[in-house]
Amino acid sequence: MYDTIRTATLFAATVTTGLIAGLFFAFSVAVMPGLRQADDATFVTVMQRINSAILNGWFGLAFAGAPLLIAAAVTLHLHAGARPFLPWLAAALVLYAAMLVITFAVNIPLNNALDSAHAPGGLSALRAHFEDRWARWNLVRTLATTAALVCLIRAVPGYSSVSSAGSS
């Protein structure tokens, strides 16, 4: 039963981390490049609408659930038989925490500044302040969560034996 709970927790942590990594990836490779071609008013309006729409239960469940599930996976892997996976799980937790720091220190304040703007005359300056910095730090978030996902996959029981067998 304990192994089932540990495996289910690791699975859920991996899925939620993958969902967030995929969201950030989509912004890096599609949303922001697509919006780069839009005029200032369209860019600001679309980003404001995205900032509003993303604040929903499904996003919150994945975004906040991932670090809790990773931390739970770390805790459940503290016994002797599962300790070889601890460095991968700890690395995933650190990488996800780094993404959270970036999100709360950079991306959310930029989103809030963009959301509070309503004057059409200042949209060009607002966009200039927002777009490149937000996109650059989103790429860092993408890399951090993708690396966390790789670490979680590496911690899947049996991965070591599968990867070792494939290299023989």
N, C-alpha and C. Protein backbone atom coordinates (compact mmCIF):
# COMPACT_ATOMS: atom_id res chain seq x y z
N MET A 1 0.82 -1.19 0.00
CA MET A 1 0.00 0.00 0.00
C MET A 1 0.88 1.27 0.00
N TYR A 2 1.94 1.25 0.81
CA TYR A 2 2.85 2.39 0.90
C TYR A 2 3.48 2.68 -0.46
N ASP A 3 3.90 1.62 -1.15
CA ASP A 3 4.50 1.79 -2.48
C ASP A 3 3.49 2.39 -3.47
N THR A 4 2.25 2.00 -3.36
CA THR A 4 1.20 2.53 -4.24
C THR A 4 1.00 4.02 -4.00
N ILE A 5 0.96 4.41 -2.75
CA ILE A 5 0.80 5.84 -2.41
C ILE A 5 2.00 6.63 -2.90
N ARG A 6 3.19 6.10 -2.66
CA ARG A 6 4.41 6.78 -3.10
C ARG A 6 4.43 6.92 -4.62
N THR A 7 4.08 5.87 -5.33
CA THR A 7 4.07 5.90 -6.79
C THR A 7 3.00 6.85 -7.31
N ALA A 8 1.82 6.81 -6.72
CA ALA A 8 0.72 7.70 -7.15
C ALA A 8 1.09 9.16 -6.91
N THR A 9 1.74 9.43 -5.80
CA THR A 9 2.15 10.81 -5.51
C THR A 9 3.19 11.28 -6.51
N LEU A 10 4.16 10.44 -6.81
CA LEU A 10 5.18 10.79 -7.80
C LEU A 10 4.54 10.98 -9.17
N PHE A 11 3.61 10.12 -9.52
CA PHE A 11 2.89 10.25 -10.80
C PHE A 11 2.15 11.59 -10.87
N ALA A 12 1.41 11.93 -9.82
CA ALA A 12 0.66 13.19 -9.79
C ALA A 12 1.59 14.40 -9.83
N ALA A 13 2.71 14.32 -9.12
CA ALA A 13 3.69 15.41 -9.16
C ALA A 13 4.25 15.58 -10.56
N THR A 14 4.51 14.47 -11.23
CA THR A 14 5.06 14.51 -12.58
C THR A 14 4.05 15.10 -13.56
N VAL A 15 2.81 14.69 -13.46
CA VAL A 15 1.77 15.20 -14.36
C VAL A 15 1.55 16.69 -14.15
N THR A 16 1.40 17.13 -12.91
CA THR A 16 1.14 18.55 -12.66
C THR A 16 2.34 19.41 -13.06
N THR A 17 3.53 18.94 -12.82
CA THR A 17 4.72 19.68 -13.24
C THR A 17 4.78 19.74 -14.76
N GLY A 18 4.45 18.64 -15.42
CA GLY A 18 4.43 18.61 -16.88
C GLY A 18 3.40 19.58 -17.45
N LEU A 19 2.26 19.68 -16.82
CA LEU A 19 1.23 20.62 -17.28
C LEU A 19 1.72 22.06 -17.20
N ILE A 20 2.38 22.41 -16.10
CA ILE A 20 2.89 23.77 -15.94
C ILE A 20 4.05 24.03 -16.91
N ALA A 21 4.94 23.07 -17.06
CA ALA A 21 6.03 23.22 -18.03
C ALA A 21 5.46 23.42 -19.43
N GLY A 22 4.44 22.67 -19.77
CA GLY A 22 3.81 22.79 -21.08
C GLY A 22 3.14 24.14 -21.28
N LEU A 23 2.51 24.64 -20.23
CA LEU A 23 1.89 25.97 -20.31
C LEU A 23 2.95 27.04 -20.59
N PHE A 24 4.03 27.01 -19.82
CA PHE A 24 5.09 28.00 -20.03
C PHE A 24 5.73 27.84 -21.40
N PHE A 25 5.91 26.60 -21.84
CA PHE A 25 6.47 26.32 -23.16
C PHE A 25 5.57 26.91 -24.25
N ALA A 26 4.26 26.72 -24.12
CA ALA A 26 3.33 27.26 -25.12
C ALA A 26 3.44 28.78 -25.20
N PHE A 27 3.58 29.43 -24.07
CA PHE A 27 3.77 30.88 -24.10
C PHE A 27 5.09 31.25 -24.78
N SER A 28 6.14 30.49 -24.51
CA SER A 28 7.46 30.80 -25.07
C SER A 28 7.51 30.60 -26.58
N VAL A 29 6.85 29.57 -27.09
CA VAL A 29 7.01 29.25 -28.50
C VAL A 29 5.84 29.66 -29.39
N ALA A 30 4.70 30.03 -28.79
CA ALA A 30 3.54 30.35 -29.62
C ALA A 30 2.85 31.65 -29.22
N VAL A 31 2.46 31.77 -27.96
CA VAL A 31 1.67 32.93 -27.55
C VAL A 31 2.45 34.23 -27.68
N MET A 32 3.61 34.30 -27.06
CA MET A 32 4.37 35.55 -27.10
C MET A 32 4.89 35.86 -28.52
N PRO A 33 5.42 34.87 -29.26
CA PRO A 33 5.81 35.19 -30.65
C PRO A 33 4.61 35.64 -31.49
N GLY A 34 3.45 35.07 -31.27
CA GLY A 34 2.26 35.49 -32.00
C GLY A 34 1.85 36.91 -31.64
N LEU A 35 1.89 37.21 -30.36
CA LEU A 35 1.51 38.55 -29.91
C LEU A 35 2.53 39.61 -30.31
N ARG A 36 3.77 39.20 -30.50
CA ARG A 36 4.81 40.16 -30.91
C ARG A 36 4.40 40.87 -32.20
N GLN A 37 3.62 40.20 -33.03
CA GLN A 37 3.21 40.76 -34.31
C GLN A 37 1.97 41.65 -34.18
N ALA A 38 1.35 41.71 -33.02
CA ALA A 38 0.14 42.50 -32.82
C ALA A 38 0.48 43.95 -32.48
N ASP A 39 -0.48 44.83 -32.71
CA ASP A 39 -0.29 46.23 -32.32
C ASP A 39 -0.37 46.33 -30.79
N ASP A 40 0.02 47.49 -30.26
CA ASP A 40 0.11 47.68 -28.81
C ASP A 40 -1.21 47.45 -28.09
N ALA A 41 -2.29 48.00 -28.63
CA ALA A 41 -3.60 47.86 -27.97
C ALA A 41 -4.03 46.40 -27.94
N THR A 42 -3.83 45.68 -29.02
CA THR A 42 -4.20 44.27 -29.06
C THR A 42 -3.34 43.48 -28.08
N PHE A 43 -2.04 43.73 -28.09
CA PHE A 43 -1.12 43.03 -27.19
C PHE A 43 -1.58 43.20 -25.74
N VAL A 44 -1.80 44.44 -25.32
CA VAL A 44 -2.17 44.72 -23.93
C VAL A 44 -3.52 44.08 -23.60
N THR A 45 -4.49 44.23 -24.48
CA THR A 45 -5.82 43.68 -24.24
C THR A 45 -5.77 42.15 -24.11
N VAL A 46 -5.07 41.49 -25.02
CA VAL A 46 -4.99 40.02 -24.98
C VAL A 46 -4.28 39.56 -23.71
N MET A 47 -3.17 40.18 -23.36
CA MET A 47 -2.46 39.78 -22.14
C MET A 47 -3.31 40.02 -20.91
N GLN A 48 -4.04 41.12 -20.87
CA GLN A 48 -4.93 41.37 -19.73
C GLN A 48 -6.00 40.28 -19.63
N ARG A 49 -6.53 39.89 -20.76
CA ARG A 49 -7.57 38.83 -20.76
C ARG A 49 -6.98 37.48 -20.36
N ILE A 50 -5.78 37.20 -20.82
CA ILE A 50 -5.12 35.95 -20.42
C ILE A 50 -4.85 35.97 -18.92
N ASN A 51 -4.37 37.10 -18.40
CA ASN A 51 -4.08 37.21 -16.96
C ASN A 51 -5.34 36.97 -16.14
N SER A 52 -6.46 37.41 -16.64
CA SER A 52 -7.73 37.20 -15.94
C SER A 52 -8.19 35.75 -16.08
N ALA A 53 -8.14 35.22 -17.30
CA ALA A 53 -8.65 33.87 -17.56
C ALA A 53 -7.85 32.78 -16.86
N ILE A 54 -6.55 33.00 -16.69
CA ILE A 54 -5.72 31.94 -16.12
C ILE A 54 -5.95 31.73 -14.62
N LEU A 55 -6.55 32.71 -13.99
CA LEU A 55 -6.83 32.58 -12.56
C LEU A 55 -8.10 31.76 -12.36
N ASN A 56 -7.94 30.45 -12.49
CA ASN A 56 -9.06 29.53 -12.34
C ASN A 56 -8.61 28.32 -11.53
N GLY A 57 -9.56 27.52 -11.16
CA GLY A 57 -9.26 26.37 -10.30
C GLY A 57 -8.34 25.33 -10.93
N TRP A 58 -8.48 25.08 -12.22
CA TRP A 58 -7.63 24.08 -12.88
C TRP A 58 -6.18 24.52 -12.89
N PHE A 59 -5.96 25.79 -13.22
CA PHE A 59 -4.59 26.31 -13.18
C PHE A 59 -4.05 26.26 -11.75
N GLY A 60 -4.85 26.73 -10.80
CA GLY A 60 -4.42 26.75 -9.41
C GLY A 60 -4.09 25.36 -8.88
N LEU A 61 -4.89 24.38 -9.29
CA LEU A 61 -4.65 23.00 -8.85
C LEU A 61 -3.30 22.50 -9.34
N ALA A 62 -2.98 22.75 -10.61
CA ALA A 62 -1.69 22.30 -11.15
C ALA A 62 -0.54 23.13 -10.61
N PHE A 63 -0.68 24.46 -10.63
CA PHE A 63 0.40 25.36 -10.25
C PHE A 63 0.78 25.19 -8.78
N ALA A 64 -0.22 25.16 -7.90
CA ALA A 64 0.06 25.02 -6.46
C ALA A 64 0.18 23.56 -6.05
N GLY A 65 -0.49 22.68 -6.79
CA GLY A 65 -0.43 21.26 -6.45
C GLY A 65 0.92 20.63 -6.72
N ALA A 66 1.58 21.06 -7.79
CA ALA A 66 2.86 20.46 -8.16
C ALA A 66 3.90 20.53 -7.04
N PRO A 67 4.17 21.70 -6.46
CA PRO A 67 5.20 21.71 -5.42
C PRO A 67 4.79 20.93 -4.17
N LEU A 68 3.49 20.93 -3.87
CA LEU A 68 3.03 20.15 -2.71
C LEU A 68 3.21 18.66 -2.97
N LEU A 69 2.89 18.25 -4.18
CA LEU A 69 3.05 16.83 -4.53
C LEU A 69 4.53 16.43 -4.60
N ILE A 70 5.37 17.32 -5.12
CA ILE A 70 6.81 17.01 -5.15
C ILE A 70 7.34 16.89 -3.72
N ALA A 71 6.93 17.82 -2.85
CA ALA A 71 7.37 17.75 -1.45
C ALA A 71 6.87 16.47 -0.79
N ALA A 72 5.64 16.07 -1.09
CA ALA A 72 5.11 14.83 -0.54
C ALA A 72 5.91 13.64 -1.07
N ALA A 73 6.27 13.67 -2.35
CA ALA A 73 7.07 12.58 -2.93
C ALA A 73 8.43 12.49 -2.24
N VAL A 74 9.03 13.65 -1.97
CA VAL A 74 10.31 13.65 -1.24
C VAL A 74 10.13 12.96 0.11
N THR A 75 9.12 13.35 0.85
CA THR A 75 8.85 12.79 2.17
C THR A 75 8.62 11.28 2.09
N LEU A 76 7.85 10.86 1.09
CA LEU A 76 7.53 9.43 0.96
C LEU A 76 8.72 8.59 0.48
N HIS A 77 9.76 9.26 -0.01
CA HIS A 77 10.95 8.54 -0.47
C HIS A 77 12.11 8.60 0.54
N LEU A 78 11.83 8.99 1.76
CA LEU A 78 12.89 9.10 2.77
C LEU A 78 13.35 7.75 3.32
N HIS A 79 12.56 6.71 3.18
CA HIS A 79 12.99 5.42 3.74
C HIS A 79 14.13 4.84 2.89
N ALA A 80 14.87 3.94 3.48
CA ALA A 80 16.12 3.45 2.88
C ALA A 80 15.97 2.91 1.47
N GLY A 81 14.93 2.17 1.18
CA GLY A 81 14.80 1.57 -0.14
C GLY A 81 14.57 2.55 -1.28
N ALA A 82 14.08 3.74 -0.95
CA ALA A 82 13.76 4.71 -2.00
C ALA A 82 14.75 5.88 -2.05
N ARG A 83 15.74 5.86 -1.19
CA ARG A 83 16.68 6.99 -1.12
C ARG A 83 17.47 7.26 -2.39
N PRO A 84 17.74 6.30 -3.24
CA PRO A 84 18.46 6.63 -4.48
C PRO A 84 17.72 7.66 -5.34
N PHE A 85 16.41 7.78 -5.15
CA PHE A 85 15.62 8.72 -5.94
C PHE A 85 15.56 10.11 -5.31
N LEU A 86 15.98 10.23 -4.06
CA LEU A 86 15.89 11.51 -3.36
C LEU A 86 16.62 12.66 -4.04
N PRO A 87 17.83 12.48 -4.55
CA PRO A 87 18.49 13.62 -5.21
C PRO A 87 17.68 14.15 -6.40
N TRP A 88 17.04 13.27 -7.16
CA TRP A 88 16.23 13.70 -8.30
C TRP A 88 14.99 14.45 -7.82
N LEU A 89 14.38 13.94 -6.77
CA LEU A 89 13.19 14.60 -6.24
C LEU A 89 13.53 15.94 -5.60
N ALA A 90 14.64 15.98 -4.87
CA ALA A 90 15.06 17.24 -4.27
C ALA A 90 15.40 18.28 -5.34
N ALA A 91 16.06 17.84 -6.39
CA ALA A 91 16.37 18.75 -7.50
C ALA A 91 15.09 19.28 -8.14
N ALA A 92 14.10 18.40 -8.33
CA ALA A 92 12.82 18.83 -8.90
C ALA A 92 12.16 19.89 -8.02
N LEU A 93 12.21 19.67 -6.72
CA LEU A 93 11.61 20.63 -5.78
C LEU A 93 12.33 21.97 -5.83
N VAL A 94 13.65 21.95 -5.87
CA VAL A 94 14.43 23.19 -5.95
C VAL A 94 14.15 23.93 -7.27
N LEU A 95 14.09 23.20 -8.35
CA LEU A 95 13.82 23.82 -9.66
C LEU A 95 12.42 24.42 -9.71
N TYR A 96 11.45 23.72 -9.16
CA TYR A 96 10.08 24.25 -9.15
C TYR A 96 10.01 25.47 -8.23
N ALA A 97 10.71 25.41 -7.10
CA ALA A 97 10.75 26.57 -6.19
C ALA A 97 11.40 27.77 -6.87
N ALA A 98 12.44 27.54 -7.68
CA ALA A 98 13.07 28.64 -8.42
C ALA A 98 12.06 29.28 -9.37
N MET A 99 11.25 28.45 -10.02
CA MET A 99 10.21 28.98 -10.90
C MET A 99 9.22 29.82 -10.12
N LEU A 100 8.84 29.36 -8.94
CA LEU A 100 7.90 30.13 -8.12
C LEU A 100 8.48 31.49 -7.74
N VAL A 101 9.75 31.52 -7.38
CA VAL A 101 10.40 32.78 -7.03
C VAL A 101 10.36 33.74 -8.22
N ILE A 102 10.70 33.24 -9.39
CA ILE A 102 10.67 34.07 -10.61
C ILE A 102 9.25 34.56 -10.88
N THR A 103 8.29 33.67 -10.76
CA THR A 103 6.90 34.04 -11.03
C THR A 103 6.44 35.15 -10.10
N PHE A 104 6.71 35.01 -8.80
CA PHE A 104 6.22 35.99 -7.84
C PHE A 104 7.06 37.26 -7.81
N ALA A 105 8.33 37.16 -8.20
CA ALA A 105 9.20 38.35 -8.18
C ALA A 105 9.17 39.12 -9.49
N VAL A 106 8.91 38.47 -10.61
CA VAL A 106 9.00 39.13 -11.92
C VAL A 106 7.68 39.09 -12.68
N ASN A 107 7.20 37.90 -13.01
CA ASN A 107 6.07 37.79 -13.93
C ASN A 107 4.76 38.34 -13.36
N ILE A 108 4.44 38.03 -12.11
CA ILE A 108 3.20 38.54 -11.53
C ILE A 108 3.23 40.06 -11.38
N PRO A 109 4.32 40.67 -10.87
CA PRO A 109 4.34 42.14 -10.83
C PRO A 109 4.19 42.78 -12.22
N LEU A 110 4.80 42.17 -13.24
CA LEU A 110 4.62 42.69 -14.60
C LEU A 110 3.17 42.53 -15.05
N ASN A 111 2.56 41.39 -14.75
CA ASN A 111 1.15 41.19 -15.09
C ASN A 111 0.27 42.22 -14.40
N ASN A 112 0.54 42.47 -13.12
CA ASN A 112 -0.26 43.43 -12.36
C ASN A 112 -0.12 44.84 -12.93
N ALA A 113 1.09 45.22 -13.32
CA ALA A 113 1.30 46.54 -13.92
C ALA A 113 0.55 46.64 -15.25
N LEU A 114 0.58 45.58 -16.01
CA LEU A 114 -0.13 45.57 -17.29
C LEU A 114 -1.64 45.61 -17.08
N ASP A 115 -2.13 44.89 -16.09
CA ASP A 115 -3.56 44.85 -15.82
C ASP A 115 -4.11 46.19 -15.33
N SER A 116 -3.28 46.97 -14.67
CA SER A 116 -3.76 48.25 -14.14
C SER A 116 -3.72 49.37 -15.18
N ALA A 117 -3.19 49.10 -16.35
CA ALA A 117 -3.08 50.12 -17.40
C ALA A 117 -4.37 50.18 -18.20
N HIS A 118 -4.87 51.39 -18.36
CA HIS A 118 -6.09 51.58 -19.14
C HIS A 118 -5.95 52.72 -20.13
N ALA A 119 -4.92 53.51 -20.02
CA ALA A 119 -4.78 54.69 -20.88
C ALA A 119 -4.21 54.28 -22.23
N PRO A 120 -4.98 54.46 -23.32
CA PRO A 120 -4.49 54.08 -24.64
C PRO A 120 -3.20 54.79 -25.05
N GLY A 121 -2.98 56.01 -24.59
CA GLY A 121 -1.79 56.76 -24.99
C GLY A 121 -0.49 56.18 -24.47
N GLY A 122 -0.56 55.44 -23.36
CA GLY A 122 0.66 54.92 -22.77
C GLY A 122 0.91 53.45 -23.08
N LEU A 123 0.16 52.89 -23.99
CA LEU A 123 0.27 51.46 -24.24
C LEU A 123 1.62 51.05 -24.83
N SER A 124 2.19 51.90 -25.67
CA SER A 124 3.48 51.58 -26.28
C SER A 124 4.58 51.47 -25.22
N ALA A 125 4.60 52.43 -24.32
CA ALA A 125 5.61 52.41 -23.26
C ALA A 125 5.37 51.24 -22.30
N LEU A 126 4.11 50.98 -22.01
CA LEU A 126 3.77 49.87 -21.13
C LEU A 126 4.21 48.55 -21.74
N ARG A 127 3.92 48.38 -23.00
CA ARG A 127 4.31 47.15 -23.69
C ARG A 127 5.83 47.02 -23.73
N ALA A 128 6.52 48.11 -24.01
CA ALA A 128 7.98 48.08 -24.08
C ALA A 128 8.58 47.64 -22.73
N HIS A 129 7.96 48.08 -21.64
CA HIS A 129 8.44 47.70 -20.30
C HIS A 129 8.13 46.23 -20.01
N PHE A 130 7.04 45.74 -20.53
CA PHE A 130 6.53 44.41 -20.18
C PHE A 130 7.07 43.29 -21.06
N GLU A 131 6.93 43.41 -22.35
CA GLU A 131 7.02 42.27 -23.27
C GLU A 131 8.34 41.50 -23.22
N ASP A 132 9.45 42.15 -23.46
CA ASP A 132 10.73 41.44 -23.52
C ASP A 132 11.12 40.85 -22.17
N ARG A 133 10.91 41.62 -21.11
CA ARG A 133 11.27 41.13 -19.78
C ARG A 133 10.40 39.94 -19.39
N TRP A 134 9.09 40.04 -19.62
CA TRP A 134 8.19 38.96 -19.28
C TRP A 134 8.55 37.70 -20.07
N ALA A 135 8.76 37.85 -21.37
CA ALA A 135 9.07 36.70 -22.23
C ALA A 135 10.40 36.06 -21.83
N ARG A 136 11.39 36.88 -21.52
CA ARG A 136 12.71 36.35 -21.14
C ARG A 136 12.59 35.51 -19.86
N TRP A 137 11.89 36.04 -18.85
CA TRP A 137 11.76 35.31 -17.60
C TRP A 137 10.81 34.13 -17.72
N ASN A 138 9.85 34.22 -18.65
CA ASN A 138 9.01 33.05 -18.89
C ASN A 138 9.83 31.91 -19.49
N LEU A 139 10.79 32.24 -20.33
CA LEU A 139 11.67 31.20 -20.87
C LEU A 139 12.46 30.54 -19.75
N VAL A 140 12.93 31.32 -18.80
CA VAL A 140 13.65 30.74 -17.65
C VAL A 140 12.70 29.84 -16.85
N ARG A 141 11.45 30.27 -16.68
CA ARG A 141 10.47 29.42 -15.98
C ARG A 141 10.23 28.13 -16.77
N THR A 142 10.18 28.24 -18.08
CA THR A 142 10.00 27.06 -18.93
C THR A 142 11.14 26.08 -18.73
N LEU A 143 12.36 26.58 -18.74
CA LEU A 143 13.53 25.72 -18.57
C LEU A 143 13.55 25.09 -17.18
N ALA A 144 13.21 25.87 -16.15
CA ALA A 144 13.22 25.35 -14.79
C ALA A 144 12.18 24.26 -14.59
N THR A 145 10.96 24.48 -15.08
CA THR A 145 9.92 23.47 -14.88
C THR A 145 10.16 22.24 -15.76
N THR A 146 10.73 22.44 -16.93
CA THR A 146 11.06 21.30 -17.78
C THR A 146 12.16 20.47 -17.13
N ALA A 147 13.15 21.13 -16.56
CA ALA A 147 14.21 20.41 -15.85
C ALA A 147 13.64 19.68 -14.63
N ALA A 148 12.70 20.31 -13.93
CA ALA A 148 12.05 19.65 -12.79
C ALA A 148 11.30 18.41 -13.27
N LEU A 149 10.63 18.52 -14.41
CA LEU A 149 9.92 17.38 -14.99
C LEU A 149 10.88 16.24 -15.31
N VAL A 150 12.01 16.56 -15.90
CA VAL A 150 13.02 15.54 -16.23
C VAL A 150 13.50 14.86 -14.94
N CYS A 151 13.73 15.63 -13.90
CA CYS A 151 14.15 15.04 -12.63
C CYS A 151 13.09 14.10 -12.06
N LEU A 152 11.83 14.50 -12.16
CA LEU A 152 10.75 13.64 -11.67
C LEU A 152 10.67 12.34 -12.47
N ILE A 153 10.81 12.46 -13.77
CA ILE A 153 10.80 11.25 -14.61
C ILE A 153 11.97 10.34 -14.23
N ARG A 154 13.10 10.93 -13.97
CA ARG A 154 14.30 10.16 -13.57
C ARG A 154 14.09 9.44 -12.24
N ALA A 155 13.20 9.99 -11.40
CA ALA A 155 12.93 9.39 -10.09
C ALA A 155 11.89 8.28 -10.15
N VAL A 156 11.30 8.05 -11.30
CA VAL A 156 10.30 6.98 -11.43
C VAL A 156 10.96 5.64 -11.16
N PRO A 157 10.41 4.87 -10.23
CA PRO A 157 11.00 3.55 -9.94
C PRO A 157 11.06 2.70 -11.21
N GLY A 158 12.18 2.05 -11.40
CA GLY A 158 12.35 1.21 -12.57
C GLY A 158 13.01 1.94 -13.72
N TYR A 159 13.04 3.28 -13.68
CA TYR A 159 13.66 4.03 -14.77
C TYR A 159 15.14 3.69 -14.88
N SER A 160 15.80 3.58 -13.73
CA SER A 160 17.24 3.28 -13.74
C SER A 160 17.51 1.94 -14.39
N SER A 161 16.71 0.94 -14.04
CA SER A 161 16.94 -0.38 -14.63
C SER A 161 16.59 -0.40 -16.11
N VAL A 162 15.56 0.35 -16.52
CA VAL A 162 15.19 0.43 -17.93
C VAL A 162 16.27 1.15 -18.72
N SER A 163 16.74 2.28 -18.19
CA SER A 163 17.75 3.04 -18.93
C SER A 163 19.09 2.30 -18.95
N SER A 164 19.39 1.56 -17.90
CA SER A 164 20.64 0.79 -17.90
C SER A 164 20.58 -0.37 -18.87
N ALA A 165 19.41 -1.01 -18.93
CA ALA A 165 19.26 -2.15 -19.85
C ALA A 165 19.35 -1.70 -21.30
N GLY A 166 18.83 -0.49 -21.57
CA GLY A 166 18.86 0.01 -22.94
C GLY A 166 20.25 0.43 -23.38
N SER A 167 21.16 0.67 -22.46
CA SER A 167 22.51 1.11 -22.83
C SER A 167 23.50 -0.03 -22.92
N SER A 168 23.07 -1.27 -22.62
CA SER A 168 23.99 -2.41 -22.66
C SER A 168 24.26 -2.86 -24.07
